[in-house]
């Protein structure tokens, strides 16, 4: 079944708040081989002007994952996860993510294109802090392969 083009422009409900933990930041930093002291040491982060340890630039995918679950679970979208390949990932920051942030995310499907029997689904996830301030927008393109 092809991706439903009618979902272009659809915005899903905001996710439950995600509290960024200091150990989660450190674990993620180790997993992606980010070695800067600001990712591990509170004092180094504070000396650099941050309230707590700073998450590596790709950390927001952890928060974005919850919005992608909404999209992939939407039966109306017609996306068969067994045919999904991650095509592209970008980040547009207003400020870094730091431990202690309480983040809420909301996904909007911004584009659906067909190319060679495949569908390209692009979605933007706005991630905001507890005060409603913009932190980062993640932009993902999923390639949904056509039927075998």
N, C-alpha and C. Protein backbone atom coordinates (compact mmCIF):
# COMPACT_ATOMS: atom_id res chain seq x y z
N UNK A 1 0.84 -1.18 0.00
CA UNK A 1 0.00 0.00 0.00
C UNK A 1 0.89 1.24 0.00
N UNK A 2 0.68 2.19 -0.90
CA UNK A 2 1.51 3.40 -0.92
C UNK A 2 1.16 4.33 0.24
N UNK A 3 2.09 5.23 0.54
CA UNK A 3 1.86 6.23 1.58
C UNK A 3 0.72 7.14 1.14
N UNK A 4 -0.16 7.44 2.06
CA UNK A 4 -1.31 8.28 1.79
C UNK A 4 -0.86 9.74 1.66
N UNK A 5 -0.96 10.34 0.47
CA UNK A 5 -0.51 11.72 0.29
C UNK A 5 -1.35 12.73 1.08
N UNK A 6 -2.53 12.32 1.52
CA UNK A 6 -3.40 13.23 2.27
C UNK A 6 -2.84 13.57 3.64
N UNK A 7 -1.83 12.83 4.12
CA UNK A 7 -1.28 13.17 5.44
C UNK A 7 -0.29 14.33 5.37
N UNK A 8 0.07 14.77 4.17
CA UNK A 8 0.94 15.95 4.07
C UNK A 8 0.25 17.11 4.74
N UNK A 9 0.94 17.78 5.64
CA UNK A 9 0.38 18.89 6.39
C UNK A 9 -0.22 18.47 7.74
N UNK A 10 -0.35 17.18 7.98
CA UNK A 10 -0.93 16.70 9.24
C UNK A 10 0.03 16.96 10.38
N UNK A 11 -0.54 17.47 11.47
CA UNK A 11 0.22 17.69 12.70
C UNK A 11 -0.35 16.78 13.77
N UNK A 12 0.52 16.07 14.45
CA UNK A 12 0.12 15.13 15.49
C UNK A 12 0.14 15.85 16.84
N UNK A 13 -0.56 15.29 17.83
CA UNK A 13 -0.58 15.94 19.15
C UNK A 13 0.82 15.99 19.78
N UNK A 14 1.06 16.95 20.65
CA UNK A 14 2.35 17.02 21.34
C UNK A 14 2.56 15.76 22.19
N UNK A 15 3.81 15.37 22.32
CA UNK A 15 4.15 14.22 23.15
C UNK A 15 4.11 14.60 24.62
N UNK A 16 4.11 13.60 25.47
CA UNK A 16 4.27 13.84 26.90
C UNK A 16 5.65 14.44 27.13
N UNK A 17 5.80 15.26 28.15
CA UNK A 17 7.12 15.86 28.42
C UNK A 17 8.19 14.80 28.67
N UNK A 18 9.38 15.07 28.15
CA UNK A 18 10.55 14.21 28.33
C UNK A 18 11.55 14.98 29.17
N UNK A 19 11.88 14.46 30.35
CA UNK A 19 12.85 15.10 31.22
C UNK A 19 14.25 14.59 30.85
N UNK A 20 15.10 15.50 30.43
CA UNK A 20 16.46 15.14 30.01
C UNK A 20 17.30 14.91 31.26
N UNK A 21 17.74 13.68 31.43
CA UNK A 21 18.55 13.32 32.59
C UNK A 21 20.03 13.44 32.33
N UNK A 22 20.75 13.79 33.36
CA UNK A 22 22.20 13.95 33.26
C UNK A 22 22.86 12.65 32.80
N UNK A 23 22.45 11.51 33.37
CA UNK A 23 23.06 10.24 32.97
C UNK A 23 22.68 9.85 31.55
N UNK A 24 21.47 10.20 31.11
CA UNK A 24 21.08 9.93 29.72
C UNK A 24 21.98 10.70 28.75
N UNK A 25 22.28 11.95 29.10
CA UNK A 25 23.18 12.75 28.26
C UNK A 25 24.55 12.09 28.19
N UNK A 26 25.06 11.67 29.35
CA UNK A 26 26.37 11.04 29.38
C UNK A 26 26.38 9.72 28.59
N UNK A 27 25.33 8.91 28.76
CA UNK A 27 25.23 7.64 28.03
C UNK A 27 25.19 7.87 26.52
N UNK A 28 24.40 8.85 26.11
CA UNK A 28 24.29 9.15 24.68
C UNK A 28 25.63 9.63 24.15
N UNK A 29 26.29 10.50 24.91
CA UNK A 29 27.60 11.01 24.48
C UNK A 29 28.59 9.86 24.29
N UNK A 30 28.61 8.93 25.24
CA UNK A 30 29.50 7.78 25.08
C UNK A 30 29.13 6.96 23.85
N UNK A 31 27.84 6.78 23.62
CA UNK A 31 27.38 5.95 22.49
C UNK A 31 27.77 6.54 21.14
N UNK A 32 27.82 7.87 21.05
CA UNK A 32 28.15 8.52 19.77
C UNK A 32 29.60 9.03 19.74
N UNK A 33 30.37 8.62 20.74
CA UNK A 33 31.79 8.99 20.82
C UNK A 33 32.01 10.50 20.88
N UNK A 34 31.09 11.20 21.55
CA UNK A 34 31.26 12.63 21.80
C UNK A 34 32.10 12.76 23.07
N UNK A 35 33.24 13.39 22.97
CA UNK A 35 34.18 13.38 24.09
C UNK A 35 34.36 14.73 24.79
N UNK A 36 33.67 15.76 24.35
CA UNK A 36 33.84 17.08 24.97
C UNK A 36 33.44 17.03 26.44
N UNK A 37 34.22 17.66 27.29
CA UNK A 37 33.93 17.66 28.73
C UNK A 37 32.53 18.18 29.07
N UNK A 38 31.97 19.09 28.28
CA UNK A 38 30.64 19.64 28.59
C UNK A 38 29.55 18.57 28.56
N UNK A 39 29.81 17.43 27.93
CA UNK A 39 28.83 16.34 27.88
C UNK A 39 28.86 15.49 29.15
N UNK A 40 29.91 15.60 29.96
CA UNK A 40 30.10 14.71 31.10
C UNK A 40 30.24 15.43 32.43
N UNK A 41 30.85 16.59 32.41
CA UNK A 41 31.26 17.29 33.63
C UNK A 41 30.41 18.55 33.83
N UNK A 42 29.65 18.58 34.92
CA UNK A 42 28.76 19.71 35.20
C UNK A 42 29.56 21.00 35.30
N UNK A 43 30.71 20.95 35.97
CA UNK A 43 31.51 22.17 36.13
C UNK A 43 32.03 22.68 34.79
N UNK A 44 32.43 21.78 33.91
CA UNK A 44 32.89 22.19 32.57
C UNK A 44 31.74 22.82 31.80
N UNK A 45 30.55 22.24 31.94
CA UNK A 45 29.37 22.80 31.26
C UNK A 45 29.04 24.19 31.81
N UNK A 46 29.09 24.33 33.12
CA UNK A 46 28.80 25.64 33.73
C UNK A 46 29.85 26.67 33.35
N UNK A 47 31.10 26.25 33.27
CA UNK A 47 32.16 27.18 32.85
C UNK A 47 31.94 27.64 31.42
N UNK A 48 31.26 26.81 30.63
CA UNK A 48 30.96 27.18 29.24
C UNK A 48 29.64 27.93 29.12
N UNK A 49 28.99 28.22 30.27
CA UNK A 49 27.78 29.04 30.25
C UNK A 49 26.48 28.26 30.24
N UNK A 50 26.52 26.98 30.56
CA UNK A 50 25.31 26.15 30.56
C UNK A 50 24.92 25.79 31.98
N UNK A 51 23.64 25.50 32.19
CA UNK A 51 23.14 25.17 33.52
C UNK A 51 23.56 23.77 33.97
N UNK A 52 23.79 22.88 33.02
CA UNK A 52 24.13 21.49 33.34
C UNK A 52 24.83 20.89 32.13
N UNK A 53 25.08 19.57 32.18
CA UNK A 53 25.76 18.94 31.05
C UNK A 53 24.95 19.13 29.77
N UNK A 54 25.68 19.26 28.67
CA UNK A 54 25.09 19.58 27.37
C UNK A 54 24.98 18.30 26.54
N UNK A 55 23.81 18.08 25.98
CA UNK A 55 23.61 16.91 25.14
C UNK A 55 24.33 17.08 23.80
N UNK A 56 24.86 15.99 23.25
CA UNK A 56 25.44 16.08 21.91
C UNK A 56 24.39 16.53 20.89
N UNK A 57 24.80 17.10 19.78
CA UNK A 57 23.87 17.69 18.82
C UNK A 57 22.80 16.74 18.28
N UNK A 58 23.07 15.44 18.25
CA UNK A 58 22.08 14.51 17.72
C UNK A 58 21.15 13.94 18.79
N UNK A 59 21.31 14.32 20.03
CA UNK A 59 20.48 13.81 21.13
C UNK A 59 18.98 13.99 20.90
N UNK A 60 18.52 15.06 20.27
CA UNK A 60 17.07 15.22 20.10
C UNK A 60 16.36 14.07 19.38
N UNK A 61 17.10 13.18 18.72
CA UNK A 61 16.44 12.02 18.10
C UNK A 61 15.76 11.17 19.17
N UNK A 62 16.27 11.20 20.39
CA UNK A 62 15.66 10.45 21.49
C UNK A 62 14.25 10.98 21.76
N UNK A 63 14.09 12.28 21.72
CA UNK A 63 12.79 12.91 21.95
C UNK A 63 11.92 12.77 20.70
N UNK A 64 12.52 12.95 19.55
CA UNK A 64 11.80 12.85 18.28
C UNK A 64 11.20 11.46 18.07
N UNK A 65 11.85 10.44 18.59
CA UNK A 65 11.39 9.07 18.42
C UNK A 65 9.90 8.92 18.78
N UNK A 66 9.48 9.61 19.81
CA UNK A 66 8.08 9.51 20.25
C UNK A 66 7.11 10.07 19.21
N UNK A 67 7.55 11.09 18.49
CA UNK A 67 6.67 11.64 17.45
C UNK A 67 6.64 10.73 16.23
N UNK A 68 7.77 10.12 15.93
CA UNK A 68 7.80 9.19 14.79
C UNK A 68 6.94 7.97 15.06
N UNK A 69 6.84 7.57 16.33
CA UNK A 69 5.93 6.47 16.70
C UNK A 69 4.49 6.83 16.34
N UNK A 70 4.11 8.09 16.55
CA UNK A 70 2.76 8.53 16.19
C UNK A 70 2.53 8.39 14.69
N UNK A 71 3.49 8.87 13.91
CA UNK A 71 3.37 8.82 12.46
C UNK A 71 3.32 7.38 11.97
N UNK A 72 4.26 6.56 12.43
CA UNK A 72 4.33 5.18 11.96
C UNK A 72 3.14 4.35 12.44
N UNK A 73 2.55 4.74 13.55
CA UNK A 73 1.39 4.03 14.08
C UNK A 73 0.06 4.50 13.51
N UNK A 74 0.09 5.54 12.70
CA UNK A 74 -1.13 6.10 12.11
C UNK A 74 -1.55 5.23 10.92
N UNK A 75 -2.58 4.43 11.11
CA UNK A 75 -3.04 3.54 10.04
C UNK A 75 -3.42 4.30 8.78
N UNK A 76 -3.92 5.52 8.94
CA UNK A 76 -4.30 6.34 7.79
C UNK A 76 -3.11 6.73 6.92
N UNK A 77 -1.90 6.73 7.53
CA UNK A 77 -0.70 7.12 6.78
C UNK A 77 -0.30 6.06 5.76
N UNK A 78 -0.56 4.80 6.07
CA UNK A 78 -0.22 3.74 5.14
C UNK A 78 1.26 3.45 5.06
N UNK A 79 1.99 3.66 6.16
CA UNK A 79 3.43 3.41 6.17
C UNK A 79 3.70 2.04 6.77
N UNK A 80 4.28 1.17 5.98
CA UNK A 80 4.67 -0.17 6.44
C UNK A 80 6.11 -0.05 6.95
N UNK A 81 6.27 -0.15 8.28
CA UNK A 81 7.59 0.07 8.89
C UNK A 81 8.64 -0.90 8.35
N UNK A 82 8.22 -2.08 7.92
CA UNK A 82 9.20 -3.04 7.39
C UNK A 82 9.79 -2.57 6.06
N UNK A 83 9.21 -1.50 5.49
CA UNK A 83 9.71 -0.95 4.22
C UNK A 83 10.37 0.42 4.40
N UNK A 84 10.60 0.81 5.64
CA UNK A 84 11.13 2.15 5.92
C UNK A 84 12.66 2.11 6.04
N UNK A 85 13.29 3.07 5.36
CA UNK A 85 14.72 3.31 5.47
C UNK A 85 14.88 4.79 5.82
N UNK A 86 15.76 5.08 6.77
CA UNK A 86 15.98 6.47 7.15
C UNK A 86 16.82 7.14 6.09
N UNK A 87 16.29 8.21 5.48
CA UNK A 87 16.98 8.85 4.37
C UNK A 87 17.81 10.06 4.72
N UNK A 88 17.36 10.86 5.70
CA UNK A 88 18.06 12.11 6.01
C UNK A 88 17.63 12.57 7.39
N UNK A 89 18.53 13.28 8.08
CA UNK A 89 18.24 13.84 9.40
C UNK A 89 18.95 15.17 9.51
N UNK A 90 18.23 16.20 9.91
CA UNK A 90 18.82 17.53 10.11
C UNK A 90 18.30 18.12 11.42
N UNK A 91 19.02 19.10 11.94
CA UNK A 91 18.66 19.76 13.19
C UNK A 91 18.80 21.26 13.01
N UNK A 92 17.82 22.01 13.48
CA UNK A 92 17.87 23.48 13.48
C UNK A 92 17.68 23.94 14.92
N UNK A 93 18.77 24.39 15.53
CA UNK A 93 18.79 24.73 16.95
C UNK A 93 18.53 26.20 17.24
N UNK A 94 17.82 26.45 18.34
CA UNK A 94 17.76 27.77 18.95
C UNK A 94 18.72 27.84 20.13
N UNK A 95 18.87 26.70 20.79
CA UNK A 95 19.81 26.59 21.91
C UNK A 95 20.12 25.11 22.15
N UNK A 96 21.20 24.81 22.86
CA UNK A 96 21.53 23.42 23.14
C UNK A 96 20.54 22.78 24.12
N UNK A 97 20.45 21.47 24.07
CA UNK A 97 19.69 20.69 25.04
C UNK A 97 20.63 20.44 26.22
N UNK A 98 20.13 20.68 27.43
CA UNK A 98 20.93 20.43 28.63
C UNK A 98 20.13 19.56 29.61
N UNK A 99 20.87 18.85 30.46
CA UNK A 99 20.22 18.05 31.49
C UNK A 99 19.32 18.96 32.32
N UNK A 100 18.14 18.46 32.63
CA UNK A 100 17.15 19.24 33.38
C UNK A 100 16.07 19.82 32.49
N UNK A 101 16.32 19.88 31.19
CA UNK A 101 15.28 20.35 30.26
C UNK A 101 14.09 19.39 30.29
N UNK A 102 12.91 19.94 30.26
CA UNK A 102 11.69 19.15 30.09
C UNK A 102 11.16 19.51 28.70
N UNK A 103 11.25 18.55 27.80
CA UNK A 103 11.00 18.82 26.38
C UNK A 103 9.72 18.14 25.90
N UNK A 104 8.98 18.87 25.09
CA UNK A 104 7.77 18.36 24.44
C UNK A 104 7.99 18.50 22.94
N UNK A 105 7.52 17.49 22.20
CA UNK A 105 7.74 17.46 20.77
C UNK A 105 6.43 17.33 20.01
N UNK A 106 6.39 17.94 18.83
CA UNK A 106 5.20 17.86 17.97
C UNK A 106 5.64 17.77 16.52
N UNK A 107 5.14 16.72 15.85
CA UNK A 107 5.53 16.42 14.48
C UNK A 107 4.49 16.91 13.48
N UNK A 108 4.97 17.46 12.38
CA UNK A 108 4.14 17.83 11.23
C UNK A 108 4.76 17.18 9.99
N UNK A 109 3.92 16.52 9.21
CA UNK A 109 4.37 15.95 7.94
C UNK A 109 4.45 17.11 6.96
N UNK A 110 5.65 17.42 6.49
CA UNK A 110 5.85 18.60 5.66
C UNK A 110 5.85 18.30 4.17
N UNK A 111 6.16 17.04 3.80
CA UNK A 111 6.24 16.72 2.38
C UNK A 111 6.11 15.22 2.16
N UNK A 112 5.41 14.87 1.08
CA UNK A 112 5.37 13.48 0.61
C UNK A 112 5.60 13.53 -0.89
N UNK A 113 6.61 12.78 -1.32
CA UNK A 113 6.95 12.73 -2.74
C UNK A 113 7.08 11.28 -3.16
N UNK A 114 6.75 11.00 -4.39
CA UNK A 114 6.97 9.67 -4.96
C UNK A 114 8.18 9.74 -5.88
N UNK A 115 9.01 8.70 -5.79
CA UNK A 115 10.21 8.67 -6.61
C UNK A 115 10.56 7.21 -6.90
N UNK A 116 10.42 6.81 -8.15
CA UNK A 116 10.79 5.47 -8.56
C UNK A 116 10.07 4.37 -7.81
N UNK A 117 8.82 4.53 -7.52
CA UNK A 117 8.06 3.51 -6.80
C UNK A 117 8.20 3.59 -5.29
N UNK A 118 9.00 4.53 -4.82
CA UNK A 118 9.17 4.73 -3.38
C UNK A 118 8.51 6.04 -2.97
N UNK A 119 8.21 6.15 -1.68
CA UNK A 119 7.68 7.41 -1.15
C UNK A 119 8.73 8.02 -0.23
N UNK A 120 8.86 9.34 -0.32
CA UNK A 120 9.75 10.09 0.55
C UNK A 120 8.87 10.93 1.47
N UNK A 121 8.91 10.61 2.75
CA UNK A 121 8.08 11.31 3.73
C UNK A 121 9.00 12.18 4.58
N UNK A 122 8.79 13.48 4.53
CA UNK A 122 9.60 14.41 5.33
C UNK A 122 8.72 14.97 6.43
N UNK A 123 9.27 14.97 7.64
CA UNK A 123 8.52 15.46 8.80
C UNK A 123 9.43 16.36 9.63
N UNK A 124 8.84 17.43 10.14
CA UNK A 124 9.55 18.34 11.04
C UNK A 124 8.97 18.18 12.43
N UNK A 125 9.85 17.99 13.40
CA UNK A 125 9.42 17.88 14.80
C UNK A 125 9.94 19.08 15.56
N UNK A 126 9.02 19.89 16.05
CA UNK A 126 9.37 21.05 16.87
C UNK A 126 9.53 20.57 18.31
N UNK A 127 10.67 20.85 18.91
CA UNK A 127 10.92 20.46 20.30
C UNK A 127 11.04 21.74 21.12
N UNK A 128 10.20 21.81 22.15
CA UNK A 128 10.11 23.01 22.99
C UNK A 128 10.37 22.66 24.45
N UNK A 129 10.81 23.67 25.21
CA UNK A 129 11.06 23.46 26.63
C UNK A 129 9.77 23.70 27.43
N UNK A 130 9.87 23.54 28.74
CA UNK A 130 8.69 23.65 29.61
C UNK A 130 8.04 25.02 29.56
N UNK A 131 8.80 26.06 29.19
CA UNK A 131 8.24 27.41 29.06
C UNK A 131 7.67 27.67 27.68
N UNK A 132 7.74 26.68 26.79
CA UNK A 132 7.24 26.85 25.44
C UNK A 132 8.26 27.40 24.47
N UNK A 133 9.47 27.61 24.94
CA UNK A 133 10.52 28.15 24.07
C UNK A 133 11.06 27.10 23.11
N UNK A 134 11.31 27.54 21.88
CA UNK A 134 11.87 26.63 20.87
C UNK A 134 13.29 26.25 21.25
N UNK A 135 13.57 24.95 21.20
CA UNK A 135 14.92 24.45 21.46
C UNK A 135 15.54 23.98 20.15
N UNK A 136 14.85 23.08 19.45
CA UNK A 136 15.39 22.52 18.22
C UNK A 136 14.25 21.98 17.37
N UNK A 137 14.44 22.04 16.07
CA UNK A 137 13.54 21.37 15.13
C UNK A 137 14.36 20.27 14.48
N UNK A 138 13.81 19.07 14.51
CA UNK A 138 14.45 17.95 13.82
C UNK A 138 13.68 17.72 12.53
N UNK A 139 14.40 17.53 11.44
CA UNK A 139 13.77 17.28 10.14
C UNK A 139 14.27 15.92 9.66
N UNK A 140 13.33 15.02 9.47
CA UNK A 140 13.66 13.66 9.05
C UNK A 140 12.98 13.34 7.74
N UNK A 141 13.71 12.63 6.89
CA UNK A 141 13.11 12.09 5.68
C UNK A 141 13.18 10.57 5.77
N UNK A 142 12.02 9.95 5.66
CA UNK A 142 11.92 8.51 5.64
C UNK A 142 11.64 8.07 4.21
N UNK A 143 12.36 7.06 3.76
CA UNK A 143 12.10 6.48 2.45
C UNK A 143 11.27 5.22 2.70
N UNK A 144 10.09 5.19 2.11
CA UNK A 144 9.21 4.04 2.24
C UNK A 144 9.27 3.30 0.91
N UNK A 145 9.95 2.16 0.93
CA UNK A 145 10.14 1.40 -0.29
C UNK A 145 8.81 0.86 -0.80
N UNK A 146 8.67 0.84 -2.10
CA UNK A 146 7.47 0.28 -2.73
C UNK A 146 7.40 -1.22 -2.50
N UNK A 147 6.31 -1.81 -2.89
CA UNK A 147 6.12 -3.25 -2.73
C UNK A 147 7.22 -4.01 -3.46
N UNK A 148 7.59 -5.14 -2.87
CA UNK A 148 8.63 -5.99 -3.48
C UNK A 148 8.13 -6.62 -4.78
